[in-house]
N, C-alpha and C. Protein backbone atom coordinates (compact mmCIF):
# COMPACT_ATOMS: atom_id res chain seq x y z
N UNK A 1 -16.90 -10.94 16.52
CA UNK A 1 -17.05 -10.97 15.08
C UNK A 1 -15.84 -10.42 14.36
N UNK A 2 -14.82 -10.04 15.07
CA UNK A 2 -13.62 -9.56 14.42
C UNK A 2 -13.56 -8.06 14.26
N UNK A 3 -14.49 -7.35 14.83
CA UNK A 3 -14.46 -5.90 14.72
C UNK A 3 -13.94 -5.32 16.02
N UNK A 4 -13.40 -4.14 15.92
CA UNK A 4 -12.93 -3.46 17.11
C UNK A 4 -14.11 -3.20 18.03
N UNK A 5 -13.89 -3.12 19.33
CA UNK A 5 -14.97 -2.80 20.25
C UNK A 5 -15.70 -1.54 19.80
N UNK A 6 -17.02 -1.61 19.88
CA UNK A 6 -17.83 -0.48 19.46
C UNK A 6 -18.12 -0.48 17.98
N UNK A 7 -17.63 -1.46 17.23
CA UNK A 7 -17.85 -1.53 15.80
C UNK A 7 -18.59 -2.81 15.44
N UNK A 8 -19.47 -3.27 16.30
CA UNK A 8 -20.11 -4.55 16.11
C UNK A 8 -21.43 -4.44 15.37
N UNK A 9 -21.68 -3.35 14.68
CA UNK A 9 -22.93 -3.19 13.95
C UNK A 9 -23.08 -4.24 12.87
N UNK A 10 -24.32 -4.42 12.42
CA UNK A 10 -24.61 -5.45 11.42
C UNK A 10 -24.05 -5.10 10.05
N UNK A 11 -24.02 -3.84 9.71
CA UNK A 11 -23.49 -3.43 8.42
C UNK A 11 -22.37 -2.44 8.71
N UNK A 12 -21.21 -2.75 8.19
CA UNK A 12 -20.03 -1.94 8.51
C UNK A 12 -19.69 -1.08 7.32
N UNK A 13 -19.80 0.23 7.50
CA UNK A 13 -19.47 1.14 6.41
C UNK A 13 -18.76 2.39 6.92
N UNK A 14 -18.05 2.23 8.00
CA UNK A 14 -17.39 3.38 8.59
C UNK A 14 -16.04 3.70 7.95
N UNK A 15 -15.65 2.99 6.89
CA UNK A 15 -14.35 3.24 6.29
C UNK A 15 -13.24 2.76 7.19
N UNK A 16 -12.16 3.51 7.28
CA UNK A 16 -11.00 3.07 8.05
C UNK A 16 -11.14 3.45 9.52
N UNK A 17 -12.14 2.89 10.16
CA UNK A 17 -12.46 3.30 11.53
C UNK A 17 -12.06 2.26 12.56
N UNK A 18 -10.86 1.75 12.49
CA UNK A 18 -10.39 0.89 13.55
C UNK A 18 -10.70 -0.58 13.39
N UNK A 19 -10.77 -1.09 12.20
CA UNK A 19 -11.00 -2.52 12.00
C UNK A 19 -9.81 -3.29 12.56
N UNK A 20 -10.08 -4.33 13.31
CA UNK A 20 -9.05 -5.18 13.90
C UNK A 20 -9.10 -6.55 13.24
N UNK A 21 -8.00 -6.97 12.66
CA UNK A 21 -7.93 -8.31 12.08
C UNK A 21 -7.82 -9.33 13.20
N UNK A 22 -8.76 -10.27 13.27
CA UNK A 22 -8.65 -11.33 14.27
C UNK A 22 -7.85 -12.51 13.72
N UNK A 23 -7.48 -13.41 14.58
CA UNK A 23 -6.82 -14.65 14.18
C UNK A 23 -7.69 -15.33 13.14
N UNK A 24 -7.07 -15.78 12.06
CA UNK A 24 -7.80 -16.49 11.02
C UNK A 24 -8.29 -15.62 9.88
N UNK A 25 -8.13 -14.32 9.97
CA UNK A 25 -8.62 -13.43 8.92
C UNK A 25 -7.97 -13.72 7.58
N UNK A 26 -6.69 -14.13 7.59
CA UNK A 26 -5.98 -14.43 6.34
C UNK A 26 -6.19 -15.87 5.89
N UNK A 27 -6.78 -16.69 6.75
CA UNK A 27 -6.95 -18.11 6.45
C UNK A 27 -5.80 -18.97 6.91
N UNK A 28 -4.72 -18.37 7.35
CA UNK A 28 -3.58 -19.13 7.87
C UNK A 28 -3.76 -19.37 9.36
N UNK A 29 -3.23 -20.47 9.83
CA UNK A 29 -3.26 -20.72 11.26
C UNK A 29 -2.01 -21.46 11.68
N UNK A 30 -1.72 -21.35 12.96
CA UNK A 30 -0.59 -22.06 13.56
C UNK A 30 -1.18 -23.28 14.25
N UNK A 31 -0.76 -24.49 13.86
CA UNK A 31 -1.37 -25.70 14.43
C UNK A 31 -1.44 -25.73 15.95
N UNK A 32 -0.42 -25.21 16.62
CA UNK A 32 -0.45 -25.23 18.09
C UNK A 32 -1.58 -24.37 18.67
N UNK A 33 -2.08 -23.42 17.86
CA UNK A 33 -3.18 -22.56 18.31
C UNK A 33 -4.55 -23.19 18.05
N UNK A 34 -4.57 -24.33 17.38
CA UNK A 34 -5.84 -25.01 17.09
C UNK A 34 -6.44 -24.54 15.79
N UNK A 35 -7.47 -25.24 15.35
CA UNK A 35 -8.10 -24.91 14.07
C UNK A 35 -8.82 -23.56 14.12
N UNK A 36 -9.02 -23.01 12.94
CA UNK A 36 -9.75 -21.75 12.82
C UNK A 36 -11.25 -22.01 12.92
N UNK A 37 -12.01 -20.99 13.29
CA UNK A 37 -13.46 -21.16 13.30
C UNK A 37 -13.98 -21.31 11.87
N UNK A 38 -15.16 -21.86 11.73
CA UNK A 38 -15.80 -21.98 10.42
C UNK A 38 -17.07 -21.14 10.40
N UNK A 39 -17.28 -20.46 9.29
CA UNK A 39 -18.51 -19.71 9.10
C UNK A 39 -19.66 -20.70 8.92
N UNK A 40 -20.82 -20.36 9.41
CA UNK A 40 -22.01 -21.22 9.31
C UNK A 40 -22.54 -21.20 7.88
N UNK A 41 -22.20 -22.24 7.11
CA UNK A 41 -22.63 -22.32 5.71
C UNK A 41 -24.14 -22.46 5.58
N UNK A 42 -24.77 -23.11 6.52
CA UNK A 42 -26.23 -23.25 6.46
C UNK A 42 -26.89 -21.87 6.56
N UNK A 43 -26.39 -21.04 7.48
CA UNK A 43 -26.93 -19.68 7.62
C UNK A 43 -26.66 -18.87 6.35
N UNK A 44 -25.49 -19.05 5.74
CA UNK A 44 -25.16 -18.35 4.49
C UNK A 44 -26.13 -18.75 3.39
N UNK A 45 -26.36 -20.05 3.22
CA UNK A 45 -27.30 -20.53 2.20
C UNK A 45 -28.71 -20.02 2.45
N UNK A 46 -29.12 -20.03 3.70
CA UNK A 46 -30.45 -19.54 4.05
C UNK A 46 -30.61 -18.08 3.66
N UNK A 47 -29.59 -17.27 3.96
CA UNK A 47 -29.63 -15.85 3.59
C UNK A 47 -29.63 -15.67 2.08
N UNK A 48 -28.88 -16.50 1.36
CA UNK A 48 -28.87 -16.43 -0.11
C UNK A 48 -30.27 -16.66 -0.67
N UNK A 49 -30.93 -17.69 -0.20
CA UNK A 49 -32.27 -18.01 -0.71
C UNK A 49 -33.28 -16.95 -0.32
N UNK A 50 -33.12 -16.36 0.87
CA UNK A 50 -34.01 -15.25 1.28
C UNK A 50 -33.80 -14.06 0.35
N UNK A 51 -32.55 -13.76 0.03
CA UNK A 51 -32.25 -12.64 -0.88
C UNK A 51 -32.84 -12.91 -2.26
N UNK A 52 -32.70 -14.13 -2.75
CA UNK A 52 -33.24 -14.47 -4.07
C UNK A 52 -34.76 -14.28 -4.09
N UNK A 53 -35.43 -14.67 -3.01
CA UNK A 53 -36.89 -14.49 -2.96
C UNK A 53 -37.26 -13.01 -2.99
N UNK A 54 -36.52 -12.20 -2.23
CA UNK A 54 -36.82 -10.76 -2.14
C UNK A 54 -36.69 -10.09 -3.51
N UNK A 55 -35.69 -10.48 -4.29
CA UNK A 55 -35.46 -9.84 -5.59
C UNK A 55 -36.16 -10.59 -6.73
N UNK A 56 -36.97 -11.59 -6.36
CA UNK A 56 -37.70 -12.39 -7.33
C UNK A 56 -36.75 -13.01 -8.35
N UNK A 57 -35.66 -13.54 -7.83
CA UNK A 57 -34.65 -14.18 -8.67
C UNK A 57 -34.38 -15.58 -8.19
N UNK A 58 -33.16 -16.04 -8.41
CA UNK A 58 -32.77 -17.37 -7.95
C UNK A 58 -31.29 -17.36 -7.52
N UNK A 59 -30.94 -18.37 -6.75
CA UNK A 59 -29.55 -18.53 -6.32
C UNK A 59 -28.78 -19.19 -7.45
N UNK A 60 -27.65 -18.60 -7.79
CA UNK A 60 -26.77 -19.19 -8.79
C UNK A 60 -25.87 -20.22 -8.15
N UNK A 61 -24.73 -20.46 -8.77
CA UNK A 61 -23.79 -21.45 -8.26
C UNK A 61 -23.22 -21.04 -6.90
N UNK A 62 -23.15 -22.02 -6.00
CA UNK A 62 -22.52 -21.81 -4.70
C UNK A 62 -21.24 -22.63 -4.68
N UNK A 63 -20.12 -21.97 -4.45
CA UNK A 63 -18.81 -22.62 -4.37
C UNK A 63 -18.28 -22.53 -2.96
N UNK A 64 -18.12 -23.66 -2.32
CA UNK A 64 -17.52 -23.67 -0.99
C UNK A 64 -16.04 -23.35 -1.08
N UNK A 65 -15.50 -22.81 -0.03
CA UNK A 65 -14.07 -22.46 -0.03
C UNK A 65 -13.24 -23.75 -0.02
N UNK A 66 -12.16 -23.72 -0.72
CA UNK A 66 -11.16 -24.78 -0.67
C UNK A 66 -9.82 -24.12 -0.50
N UNK A 67 -9.03 -24.65 0.44
CA UNK A 67 -7.72 -24.08 0.70
C UNK A 67 -6.95 -24.03 -0.61
N UNK A 68 -6.31 -22.94 -0.92
CA UNK A 68 -5.93 -21.82 -0.06
C UNK A 68 -6.88 -20.62 -0.13
N UNK A 69 -8.01 -20.76 -0.80
CA UNK A 69 -8.95 -19.64 -0.88
C UNK A 69 -9.61 -19.42 0.48
N UNK A 70 -9.78 -18.17 0.87
CA UNK A 70 -10.29 -17.83 2.21
C UNK A 70 -11.79 -17.56 2.25
N UNK A 71 -12.51 -17.86 1.19
CA UNK A 71 -13.92 -17.47 1.14
C UNK A 71 -14.75 -18.43 0.29
N UNK A 72 -16.05 -18.41 0.57
CA UNK A 72 -17.05 -19.09 -0.24
C UNK A 72 -17.58 -18.06 -1.23
N UNK A 73 -18.05 -18.52 -2.39
CA UNK A 73 -18.60 -17.63 -3.40
C UNK A 73 -19.98 -18.13 -3.80
N UNK A 74 -20.90 -17.22 -3.98
CA UNK A 74 -22.23 -17.57 -4.44
C UNK A 74 -22.77 -16.39 -5.24
N UNK A 75 -23.95 -16.58 -5.81
CA UNK A 75 -24.56 -15.46 -6.51
C UNK A 75 -26.07 -15.52 -6.39
N UNK A 76 -26.65 -14.35 -6.53
CA UNK A 76 -28.10 -14.20 -6.64
C UNK A 76 -28.34 -13.58 -8.00
N UNK A 77 -29.21 -14.20 -8.78
CA UNK A 77 -29.49 -13.73 -10.14
C UNK A 77 -30.94 -13.23 -10.19
N UNK A 78 -31.10 -12.00 -10.67
CA UNK A 78 -32.44 -11.46 -10.88
C UNK A 78 -32.50 -10.84 -12.26
N UNK A 79 -33.57 -10.14 -12.56
CA UNK A 79 -33.73 -9.60 -13.92
C UNK A 79 -32.71 -8.52 -14.26
N UNK A 80 -32.01 -7.97 -13.26
CA UNK A 80 -30.98 -6.96 -13.54
C UNK A 80 -29.59 -7.56 -13.72
N UNK A 81 -29.45 -8.85 -13.42
CA UNK A 81 -28.16 -9.51 -13.59
C UNK A 81 -27.78 -10.34 -12.39
N UNK A 82 -26.48 -10.65 -12.30
CA UNK A 82 -25.95 -11.50 -11.25
C UNK A 82 -25.21 -10.67 -10.21
N UNK A 83 -25.51 -10.92 -8.94
CA UNK A 83 -24.78 -10.31 -7.83
C UNK A 83 -23.90 -11.38 -7.22
N UNK A 84 -22.59 -11.15 -7.19
CA UNK A 84 -21.65 -12.11 -6.63
C UNK A 84 -21.45 -11.77 -5.15
N UNK A 85 -21.63 -12.80 -4.32
CA UNK A 85 -21.52 -12.63 -2.88
C UNK A 85 -20.36 -13.46 -2.36
N UNK A 86 -19.50 -12.84 -1.57
CA UNK A 86 -18.36 -13.51 -0.96
C UNK A 86 -18.64 -13.66 0.53
N UNK A 87 -18.35 -14.83 1.06
CA UNK A 87 -18.55 -15.10 2.48
C UNK A 87 -17.23 -15.64 3.02
N UNK A 88 -16.63 -14.94 3.94
CA UNK A 88 -15.35 -15.37 4.51
C UNK A 88 -15.52 -16.75 5.15
N UNK A 89 -14.55 -17.61 4.99
CA UNK A 89 -14.65 -18.99 5.47
C UNK A 89 -14.52 -19.12 6.99
N UNK A 90 -13.89 -18.13 7.64
CA UNK A 90 -13.61 -18.28 9.06
C UNK A 90 -14.26 -17.23 9.96
N UNK A 91 -14.78 -16.19 9.37
CA UNK A 91 -15.46 -15.14 10.13
C UNK A 91 -16.72 -14.76 9.35
N UNK A 92 -17.78 -14.35 10.03
CA UNK A 92 -19.06 -14.10 9.35
C UNK A 92 -19.11 -12.77 8.60
N UNK A 93 -18.21 -12.62 7.63
CA UNK A 93 -18.13 -11.39 6.85
C UNK A 93 -18.65 -11.63 5.45
N UNK A 94 -19.42 -10.69 4.95
CA UNK A 94 -20.00 -10.74 3.61
C UNK A 94 -19.49 -9.54 2.82
N UNK A 95 -19.14 -9.79 1.55
CA UNK A 95 -18.74 -8.72 0.63
C UNK A 95 -19.38 -9.00 -0.72
N UNK A 96 -19.45 -7.99 -1.55
CA UNK A 96 -20.04 -8.11 -2.88
C UNK A 96 -19.00 -7.72 -3.93
N UNK A 97 -19.02 -8.46 -5.04
CA UNK A 97 -18.04 -8.24 -6.11
C UNK A 97 -18.74 -8.30 -7.46
N UNK A 98 -18.09 -7.76 -8.47
CA UNK A 98 -18.66 -7.74 -9.81
C UNK A 98 -18.55 -9.08 -10.51
N UNK A 99 -17.48 -9.83 -10.21
CA UNK A 99 -17.28 -11.12 -10.88
C UNK A 99 -16.63 -12.11 -9.93
N UNK A 100 -16.73 -13.38 -10.29
CA UNK A 100 -16.09 -14.44 -9.51
C UNK A 100 -14.60 -14.47 -9.81
N UNK A 101 -13.82 -14.52 -8.74
CA UNK A 101 -12.36 -14.59 -8.87
C UNK A 101 -11.83 -15.42 -7.70
N UNK A 102 -10.56 -15.76 -7.76
CA UNK A 102 -9.93 -16.45 -6.64
C UNK A 102 -9.33 -15.50 -5.63
N UNK A 103 -9.20 -14.24 -5.98
CA UNK A 103 -8.67 -13.25 -5.07
C UNK A 103 -9.19 -11.88 -5.48
N UNK A 104 -9.20 -10.99 -4.52
CA UNK A 104 -9.69 -9.63 -4.75
C UNK A 104 -8.72 -8.65 -4.11
N UNK A 105 -8.69 -7.45 -4.64
CA UNK A 105 -7.88 -6.39 -4.05
C UNK A 105 -8.79 -5.20 -3.72
N UNK A 106 -9.31 -4.55 -4.78
CA UNK A 106 -10.19 -3.40 -4.57
C UNK A 106 -11.44 -3.49 -5.45
N UNK A 107 -11.76 -4.69 -5.94
CA UNK A 107 -12.87 -4.86 -6.89
C UNK A 107 -14.20 -5.12 -6.20
N UNK A 108 -14.42 -4.54 -5.05
CA UNK A 108 -15.63 -4.79 -4.29
C UNK A 108 -16.71 -3.78 -4.66
N UNK A 109 -17.95 -4.23 -4.59
CA UNK A 109 -19.10 -3.37 -4.89
C UNK A 109 -19.79 -2.97 -3.59
N UNK A 110 -20.50 -1.84 -3.62
CA UNK A 110 -21.30 -1.49 -2.45
C UNK A 110 -22.39 -2.56 -2.25
N UNK A 111 -22.74 -2.85 -1.02
CA UNK A 111 -23.81 -3.83 -0.78
C UNK A 111 -25.13 -3.35 -1.37
N UNK A 112 -25.88 -4.27 -2.00
CA UNK A 112 -27.19 -3.90 -2.51
C UNK A 112 -28.18 -3.72 -1.35
N UNK A 113 -29.34 -3.14 -1.62
CA UNK A 113 -30.31 -2.91 -0.54
C UNK A 113 -30.69 -4.18 0.22
N UNK A 114 -30.73 -5.30 -0.45
CA UNK A 114 -31.13 -6.54 0.21
C UNK A 114 -30.00 -7.20 1.01
N UNK A 115 -28.84 -6.56 1.10
CA UNK A 115 -27.73 -7.11 1.89
C UNK A 115 -28.10 -7.21 3.37
N UNK A 116 -29.07 -6.43 3.79
CA UNK A 116 -29.49 -6.47 5.20
C UNK A 116 -29.99 -7.86 5.59
N UNK A 117 -30.41 -8.66 4.62
CA UNK A 117 -30.84 -10.04 4.91
C UNK A 117 -29.68 -10.86 5.47
N UNK A 118 -28.47 -10.59 5.03
CA UNK A 118 -27.30 -11.29 5.57
C UNK A 118 -27.04 -10.84 7.01
N UNK A 119 -27.20 -9.53 7.26
CA UNK A 119 -27.02 -9.02 8.62
C UNK A 119 -28.06 -9.65 9.55
N UNK A 120 -29.29 -9.78 9.08
CA UNK A 120 -30.34 -10.40 9.90
C UNK A 120 -30.03 -11.86 10.19
N UNK A 121 -29.24 -12.50 9.33
CA UNK A 121 -28.85 -13.91 9.51
C UNK A 121 -27.59 -14.05 10.36
N UNK A 122 -27.06 -12.93 10.89
CA UNK A 122 -25.91 -13.00 11.77
C UNK A 122 -24.56 -12.68 11.13
N UNK A 123 -24.58 -12.22 9.89
CA UNK A 123 -23.34 -11.87 9.20
C UNK A 123 -23.07 -10.37 9.33
N UNK A 124 -21.82 -9.99 9.10
CA UNK A 124 -21.45 -8.58 9.06
C UNK A 124 -21.19 -8.25 7.60
N UNK A 125 -21.96 -7.33 7.06
CA UNK A 125 -21.82 -6.92 5.67
C UNK A 125 -20.78 -5.80 5.61
N UNK A 126 -19.71 -6.06 4.88
CA UNK A 126 -18.61 -5.10 4.78
C UNK A 126 -18.81 -4.21 3.56
N UNK A 127 -18.65 -2.92 3.75
CA UNK A 127 -18.80 -1.97 2.65
C UNK A 127 -17.58 -2.01 1.73
N UNK A 128 -17.76 -1.54 0.51
CA UNK A 128 -16.64 -1.46 -0.42
C UNK A 128 -15.60 -0.46 0.08
N UNK A 129 -16.05 0.59 0.77
CA UNK A 129 -15.11 1.57 1.32
C UNK A 129 -14.23 0.94 2.40
N UNK A 130 -14.84 0.18 3.29
CA UNK A 130 -14.06 -0.47 4.33
C UNK A 130 -13.08 -1.47 3.72
N UNK A 131 -13.51 -2.24 2.75
CA UNK A 131 -12.65 -3.23 2.12
C UNK A 131 -11.47 -2.59 1.39
N UNK A 132 -11.63 -1.35 0.96
CA UNK A 132 -10.55 -0.63 0.28
C UNK A 132 -9.59 0.05 1.27
N UNK A 133 -9.84 -0.10 2.55
CA UNK A 133 -8.98 0.51 3.57
C UNK A 133 -7.55 -0.01 3.45
N UNK A 134 -6.57 0.89 3.42
CA UNK A 134 -5.17 0.44 3.40
C UNK A 134 -4.85 -0.33 4.68
N UNK A 135 -4.02 -1.35 4.55
CA UNK A 135 -3.63 -2.13 5.73
C UNK A 135 -2.97 -1.27 6.79
N UNK A 136 -2.36 -0.18 6.37
CA UNK A 136 -1.72 0.71 7.35
C UNK A 136 -2.75 1.34 8.29
N UNK A 137 -4.04 1.32 7.92
CA UNK A 137 -5.10 1.88 8.76
C UNK A 137 -5.88 0.81 9.51
N UNK A 138 -5.38 -0.43 9.50
CA UNK A 138 -6.05 -1.57 10.13
C UNK A 138 -5.16 -2.08 11.26
N UNK A 139 -5.77 -2.55 12.34
CA UNK A 139 -5.00 -3.17 13.42
C UNK A 139 -4.61 -4.58 12.97
N UNK A 140 -3.35 -4.75 12.60
CA UNK A 140 -2.83 -6.02 12.09
C UNK A 140 -1.92 -6.71 13.11
N UNK A 141 -2.02 -6.33 14.36
CA UNK A 141 -1.10 -6.83 15.38
C UNK A 141 -1.15 -8.35 15.56
N UNK A 142 -2.23 -8.99 15.18
CA UNK A 142 -2.35 -10.43 15.34
C UNK A 142 -1.65 -11.21 14.22
N UNK A 143 -1.31 -10.54 13.12
CA UNK A 143 -0.69 -11.23 11.99
C UNK A 143 0.71 -11.73 12.33
N UNK A 144 1.00 -12.94 11.85
CA UNK A 144 2.32 -13.53 12.07
C UNK A 144 3.29 -13.07 11.00
N UNK A 145 4.58 -13.36 11.21
CA UNK A 145 5.59 -13.02 10.19
C UNK A 145 5.29 -13.76 8.89
N UNK A 146 4.82 -15.00 8.98
CA UNK A 146 4.47 -15.77 7.79
C UNK A 146 3.34 -15.13 7.01
N UNK A 147 2.32 -14.63 7.72
CA UNK A 147 1.22 -13.96 7.05
C UNK A 147 1.71 -12.69 6.35
N UNK A 148 2.57 -11.94 7.02
CA UNK A 148 3.12 -10.73 6.41
C UNK A 148 3.95 -11.05 5.17
N UNK A 149 4.68 -12.18 5.21
CA UNK A 149 5.45 -12.58 4.02
C UNK A 149 4.51 -12.80 2.83
N UNK A 150 3.40 -13.49 3.06
CA UNK A 150 2.44 -13.73 1.98
C UNK A 150 1.82 -12.42 1.50
N UNK A 151 1.42 -11.58 2.42
CA UNK A 151 0.81 -10.30 2.06
C UNK A 151 1.76 -9.49 1.19
N UNK A 152 3.01 -9.42 1.60
CA UNK A 152 4.00 -8.65 0.82
C UNK A 152 4.29 -9.30 -0.53
N UNK A 153 4.45 -10.63 -0.54
CA UNK A 153 4.80 -11.30 -1.81
C UNK A 153 3.67 -11.23 -2.83
N UNK A 154 2.43 -11.12 -2.36
CA UNK A 154 1.29 -10.99 -3.27
C UNK A 154 0.95 -9.53 -3.56
N UNK A 155 1.63 -8.62 -2.92
CA UNK A 155 1.38 -7.20 -3.16
C UNK A 155 0.05 -6.72 -2.61
N UNK A 156 -0.44 -7.35 -1.57
CA UNK A 156 -1.72 -6.98 -0.98
C UNK A 156 -1.53 -5.71 -0.15
N UNK A 157 -2.39 -4.73 -0.38
CA UNK A 157 -2.28 -3.47 0.35
C UNK A 157 -3.56 -3.04 1.04
N UNK A 158 -4.65 -3.81 0.85
CA UNK A 158 -5.95 -3.41 1.40
C UNK A 158 -6.52 -4.47 2.33
N UNK A 159 -7.45 -4.05 3.14
CA UNK A 159 -8.17 -4.97 4.02
C UNK A 159 -8.87 -6.05 3.20
N UNK A 160 -9.58 -5.65 2.15
CA UNK A 160 -10.31 -6.61 1.32
C UNK A 160 -9.40 -7.64 0.69
N UNK A 161 -8.24 -7.21 0.22
CA UNK A 161 -7.28 -8.14 -0.37
C UNK A 161 -6.75 -9.14 0.64
N UNK A 162 -6.68 -8.73 1.89
CA UNK A 162 -6.22 -9.61 2.95
C UNK A 162 -7.29 -10.62 3.33
N UNK A 163 -8.54 -10.19 3.35
CA UNK A 163 -9.63 -11.07 3.77
C UNK A 163 -10.08 -12.04 2.68
N UNK A 164 -10.09 -11.60 1.43
CA UNK A 164 -10.66 -12.39 0.32
C UNK A 164 -9.55 -12.70 -0.68
N UNK A 165 -8.84 -13.79 -0.42
CA UNK A 165 -7.67 -14.11 -1.20
C UNK A 165 -7.50 -15.61 -1.34
N UNK A 166 -6.63 -16.00 -2.28
CA UNK A 166 -6.17 -17.39 -2.42
C UNK A 166 -4.66 -17.32 -2.43
N UNK A 167 -4.07 -17.84 -1.41
CA UNK A 167 -2.64 -17.68 -1.20
C UNK A 167 -1.83 -18.79 -1.84
N UNK A 168 -2.16 -19.17 -3.05
CA UNK A 168 -1.42 -20.28 -3.70
C UNK A 168 -0.38 -19.77 -4.67
C-alpha cells in the first residue's frame, strides 16, 4: 500500500514516522517501467455512498482524475456541510480537504469519524499531520530526477503536496 513496513494500518496518523513514497506516488511514470497501478474507483464510490448513508446525507459531485492531476475528488454533503474527499489515482490513499482544488500543500483536514468506512473498503486514510510531513522526513529514494525537478519548480515541501497535485 505504499507504507513502510510495519505501517500498514488502516488509518495512518503517526506523523513523520517513516512514510515511504512508492513508484507512482507523484503520478509520473517511466514508460519502460510500465503503467502505474489504478485505484479501485468502484470501491471508492461504494465507500462514498456508505459514508453518505451513515451521516444521513448524500454524495456530491465525483470528479475522476485527469492527467496531470494525481487524484480523484468527491464530496459527502450532510446537514453540517460538505466534506471534500481526495482519493489518490494510483495508490489507495484517502485525504480530506476544506475545498476542491487542483493541488494541495498543507490544506488538509483531520479525517472525520466516518473515515473508517474508507479503511473498511481497503483504503488507507491519511491524517492531516502525516500529509503535512516535510519531504525531508519521508523516504523519497524512489523519486526520479524528473520528479524532483517538478517538486522543486512547484515549491512542494510536504508529503501531501507531493501526493495530491496537478503538475501542469
